[in-house]
């Protein structure tokens, strides 16, 4: 999905954005790491959501709050991308 800024929301971008937020190298963020244990709190998650929603994906905080791993968040994103692609008004 292209974005308002020309960027796509990818797993790699999500990993890099999370890593920057918690002052880690992207390679240090595993798919199954508990992101809250790495230092993400609700304010940081909201900041990530603002950045990611600039892509037009329209994620909601409650969707991500149900998950604590990058894998869980990526699955939410994939479901949302599929919904957008299947939408007749895209």
Protein backbone atom coordinates (compact mmCIF):
# COMPACT_ATOMS: atom_id res chain seq x y z
CA UNK A 1 0.00 0.00 0.00
CA UNK A 2 1.44 3.36 -0.94
CA UNK A 3 1.13 6.13 1.53
CA UNK A 4 0.39 9.77 1.73
CA UNK A 5 4.15 10.16 2.24
CA UNK A 6 5.06 7.64 -0.49
CA UNK A 7 6.17 5.00 2.01
CA UNK A 8 4.69 1.59 2.56
CA UNK A 9 3.91 0.01 5.89
CA UNK A 10 6.01 -3.14 5.93
CA UNK A 11 7.19 -5.48 8.63
CA UNK A 12 10.68 -4.03 8.22
CA UNK A 13 9.42 -0.48 8.64
CA UNK A 14 7.45 -1.45 11.73
CA UNK A 15 10.51 -3.17 13.23
CA UNK A 16 12.71 -0.14 12.46
CA UNK A 17 10.20 2.33 13.91
CA UNK A 18 9.80 0.28 17.10
CA UNK A 19 13.56 -0.10 17.43
CA UNK A 20 14.06 3.65 17.09
CA UNK A 21 11.38 4.29 19.71
CA UNK A 22 13.06 2.00 22.26
CA UNK A 23 16.65 2.90 21.27
CA UNK A 24 17.55 -0.57 19.97
CA UNK A 25 18.93 -1.91 16.71
CA UNK A 26 16.16 -3.26 14.45
CA UNK A 27 17.92 -6.64 14.43
CA UNK A 28 17.43 -6.78 18.20
CA UNK A 29 13.63 -6.81 17.84
CA UNK A 30 12.42 -10.39 17.36
CA UNK A 31 8.94 -11.23 16.10
CA UNK A 32 8.00 -12.80 19.42
CA UNK A 33 9.59 -10.26 21.80
CA UNK A 34 7.18 -8.65 24.24
CA UNK A 35 7.29 -5.05 23.05
CA UNK A 36 6.19 -3.71 26.42
CA UNK A 37 9.17 -5.43 28.04
CA UNK A 38 11.39 -3.61 25.53
CA UNK A 39 10.11 -0.26 26.76
CA UNK A 40 7.05 0.55 24.68
CA UNK A 41 4.33 2.25 26.66
CA UNK A 42 0.96 3.55 25.55
CA UNK A 43 2.28 6.98 24.57
CA UNK A 44 4.98 5.47 22.39
CA UNK A 45 2.46 3.13 20.79
CA UNK A 46 0.22 6.11 20.02
CA UNK A 47 3.18 7.88 18.41
CA UNK A 48 3.83 4.81 16.27
CA UNK A 49 0.16 4.66 15.30
CA UNK A 50 0.19 8.28 14.16
CA UNK A 51 3.22 7.58 11.98
CA UNK A 52 1.82 4.33 10.58
CA UNK A 53 -1.62 5.77 9.98
CA UNK A 54 -0.04 8.35 7.67
CA UNK A 55 0.05 5.42 5.23
CA UNK A 56 -3.75 5.48 5.17
CA UNK A 57 -4.09 2.11 6.90
CA UNK A 58 -6.31 3.41 9.71
CA UNK A 59 -5.10 1.29 12.61
CA UNK A 60 -6.76 1.74 15.98
CA UNK A 61 -4.98 1.61 19.33
CA UNK A 62 -7.36 -1.08 20.60
CA UNK A 63 -6.37 -3.38 17.72
CA UNK A 64 -2.70 -3.27 18.69
CA UNK A 65 -3.39 -3.31 22.43
CA UNK A 66 -4.67 -6.87 22.08
CA UNK A 67 -1.16 -7.97 21.10
CA UNK A 68 2.26 -7.52 22.68
CA UNK A 69 4.55 -8.77 19.92
CA UNK A 70 5.67 -7.52 16.54
CA UNK A 71 4.23 -10.72 15.05
CA UNK A 72 0.83 -9.93 16.54
CA UNK A 73 0.94 -6.36 15.29
CA UNK A 74 2.01 -7.46 11.82
CA UNK A 75 -0.94 -9.88 11.67
CA UNK A 76 -3.28 -6.97 12.51
CA UNK A 77 -1.69 -4.91 9.72
CA UNK A 78 -2.00 -7.76 7.22
CA UNK A 79 -5.70 -8.18 8.07
CA UNK A 80 -6.27 -4.46 7.65
CA UNK A 81 -4.40 -4.38 4.33
CA UNK A 82 -6.54 -7.28 3.10
CA UNK A 83 -9.70 -5.41 4.13
CA UNK A 84 -8.53 -2.31 2.26
CA UNK A 85 -7.72 -4.32 -0.86
CA UNK A 86 -11.11 -6.06 -0.76
CA UNK A 87 -12.98 -2.80 -0.25
CA UNK A 88 -15.00 -1.72 -3.31
CA UNK A 89 -14.23 1.96 -2.59
CA UNK A 90 -10.44 1.73 -2.76
